[in-house]
Amino acid sequence: MLKIYGLKQCSTCQKVIKLMQSEGFELSPMIDIRQEPPTIEELERVYQSYEGHIRKMLNTSGQAYRDLNLKNRLEDLSKDEVFTLMLEDGMLIKRPLILDNEKGSAGSNIKQLKQIWSI
């Protein structure tokens, strides 16, 4: 069973849920990413799935990203500093965040979902 973080009213999250279910994946009930952000270990799994490209994990179009001026600051921050920001504000994380015990994905990019989840 895959663990999923997102927002219930997010149409992108719903679209990805339908895709994953149509591919035969069983998903846990969605966890509200604002109220219960993923753990450091879970973020690390997604980070490894994206081969260290942390920007692929970030909701770059979100208000929290803009408020923190991460577009200009990201290169100066360590991975751990970015993870801390993500834990403090789940809205910095691209949705939905989907995890199993070994890997994870963030967002709705079909090419990336196919690559990570072999669909």
Protein backbone atom coordinates (compact mmCIF):
# COMPACT_ATOMS: atom_id res chain seq x y z
CA MET A 1 0.00 0.00 0.00
CA LEU A 2 1.27 3.45 -0.92
CA LYS A 3 1.15 6.33 1.53
CA ILE A 4 -0.13 9.60 0.09
CA TYR A 5 0.13 13.17 1.36
CA GLY A 6 -1.89 15.95 -0.22
CA LEU A 7 -5.05 18.00 0.06
CA LYS A 8 -8.49 16.46 -0.36
CA GLN A 9 -9.79 19.40 -2.42
CA CYS A 10 -6.72 19.46 -4.71
CA SER A 11 -7.76 18.42 -8.22
CA THR A 12 -4.18 17.48 -9.09
CA CYS A 13 -4.04 15.11 -6.11
CA GLN A 14 -7.33 13.54 -7.19
CA LYS A 15 -6.05 13.11 -10.76
CA VAL A 16 -2.91 11.31 -9.59
CA ILE A 17 -4.90 9.13 -7.17
CA LYS A 18 -7.15 8.00 -10.04
CA LEU A 19 -4.12 7.29 -12.23
CA MET A 20 -2.36 5.25 -9.55
CA GLN A 21 -5.51 3.29 -8.72
CA SER A 22 -6.12 2.58 -12.42
CA GLU A 23 -2.60 1.13 -12.54
CA GLY A 24 -3.46 -1.24 -9.69
CA PHE A 25 -1.84 0.57 -6.78
CA GLU A 26 -3.57 0.51 -3.41
CA LEU A 27 -3.40 3.88 -1.64
CA SER A 28 -3.82 4.74 2.01
CA PRO A 29 -6.33 7.45 2.95
CA MET A 30 -4.84 10.83 2.06
CA ILE A 31 -2.90 12.57 4.84
CA ASP A 32 -3.36 16.36 4.98
CA ILE A 33 0.11 17.67 4.16
CA ARG A 34 -0.58 20.92 6.03
CA GLN A 35 -1.46 19.25 9.31
CA GLU A 36 0.88 16.25 9.16
CA PRO A 37 3.87 16.82 6.88
CA PRO A 38 6.03 13.83 5.94
CA THR A 39 8.98 12.79 8.08
CA ILE A 40 12.63 13.49 7.30
CA GLU A 41 13.01 9.82 6.34
CA GLU A 42 10.10 10.08 3.90
CA LEU A 43 11.50 13.27 2.36
CA GLU A 44 14.85 11.50 2.00
CA ARG A 45 13.19 8.68 0.02
CA VAL A 46 11.68 11.17 -2.43
CA TYR A 47 14.99 13.05 -2.63
CA GLN A 48 16.78 9.81 -3.57
CA SER A 49 14.10 9.01 -6.18
CA TYR A 50 14.84 12.37 -7.81
CA GLU A 51 18.60 11.74 -7.62
CA GLY A 52 19.19 14.75 -5.40
CA HIS A 53 17.19 17.29 -7.40
CA ILE A 54 15.43 18.93 -4.47
CA ARG A 55 13.65 21.52 -6.63
CA LYS A 56 11.55 18.66 -8.09
CA MET A 57 10.11 18.15 -4.59
CA LEU A 58 9.13 21.78 -4.06
CA ASN A 59 5.83 23.46 -4.86
CA THR A 60 7.54 26.24 -6.81
CA SER A 61 4.23 27.83 -7.81
CA GLY A 62 2.97 28.06 -4.23
CA GLN A 63 2.71 31.16 -2.07
CA ALA A 64 4.96 29.72 0.67
CA TYR A 65 7.77 29.22 -1.87
CA ARG A 66 7.42 32.82 -3.05
CA ASP A 67 7.13 34.22 0.48
CA LEU A 68 10.44 32.60 1.44
CA ASN A 69 12.09 33.79 -1.81
CA LEU A 70 13.33 30.25 -2.38
CA LYS A 71 13.77 30.86 -6.10
CA ASN A 72 16.77 33.04 -5.22
CA ARG A 73 17.84 31.31 -1.98
CA LEU A 74 17.60 27.60 -2.79
CA GLU A 75 21.16 27.20 -4.07
CA ASP A 76 22.51 28.66 -0.81
CA LEU A 77 20.57 26.24 1.42
CA SER A 78 21.65 22.74 2.40
CA LYS A 79 19.38 19.76 1.86
CA ASP A 80 18.75 19.60 5.61
CA GLU A 81 17.79 23.29 5.72
CA VAL A 82 15.30 22.79 2.89
CA PHE A 83 13.89 19.68 4.60
CA THR A 84 13.43 21.71 7.80
CA LEU A 85 11.49 24.35 5.86
CA MET A 86 9.32 21.61 4.31
CA LEU A 87 8.58 20.14 7.74
CA GLU A 88 7.62 23.59 9.06
CA ASP A 89 5.28 24.25 6.13
CA GLY A 90 3.89 21.28 4.21
CA MET A 91 2.66 23.66 1.50
CA LEU A 92 6.26 23.92 0.29
CA ILE A 93 6.06 20.29 -0.84
CA LYS A 94 4.81 19.47 -4.32
CA ARG A 95 1.55 17.50 -4.14
CA PRO A 96 0.70 14.75 -4.01
CA LEU A 97 3.61 13.10 -2.23
CA ILE A 98 3.42 9.33 -2.70
CA LEU A 99 5.63 6.84 -0.84
CA ASP A 100 6.32 3.19 -0.33
CA ASN A 101 9.06 1.71 1.87
CA GLU A 102 11.80 2.36 -0.67
CA LYS A 103 10.97 5.33 -2.89
CA GLY A 104 8.65 8.27 -3.38
CA SER A 105 7.37 10.85 -5.83
CA ALA A 106 6.17 14.43 -5.61
CA GLY A 107 3.70 16.05 -7.95
CA SER A 108 1.81 15.03 -11.05
CA ASN A 109 4.45 14.89 -13.78
CA ILE A 110 3.38 11.79 -15.71
CA LYS A 111 6.88 11.06 -17.03
CA GLN A 112 8.33 11.13 -13.51
CA LEU A 113 5.48 9.03 -12.09
CA LYS A 114 6.00 6.42 -14.82
CA GLN A 115 9.73 6.33 -14.16
CA ILE A 116 9.49 6.06 -10.37
CA TRP A 117 6.48 3.74 -10.15
CA SER A 118 7.09 1.71 -13.34
CA ILE A 119 3.66 2.41 -14.80
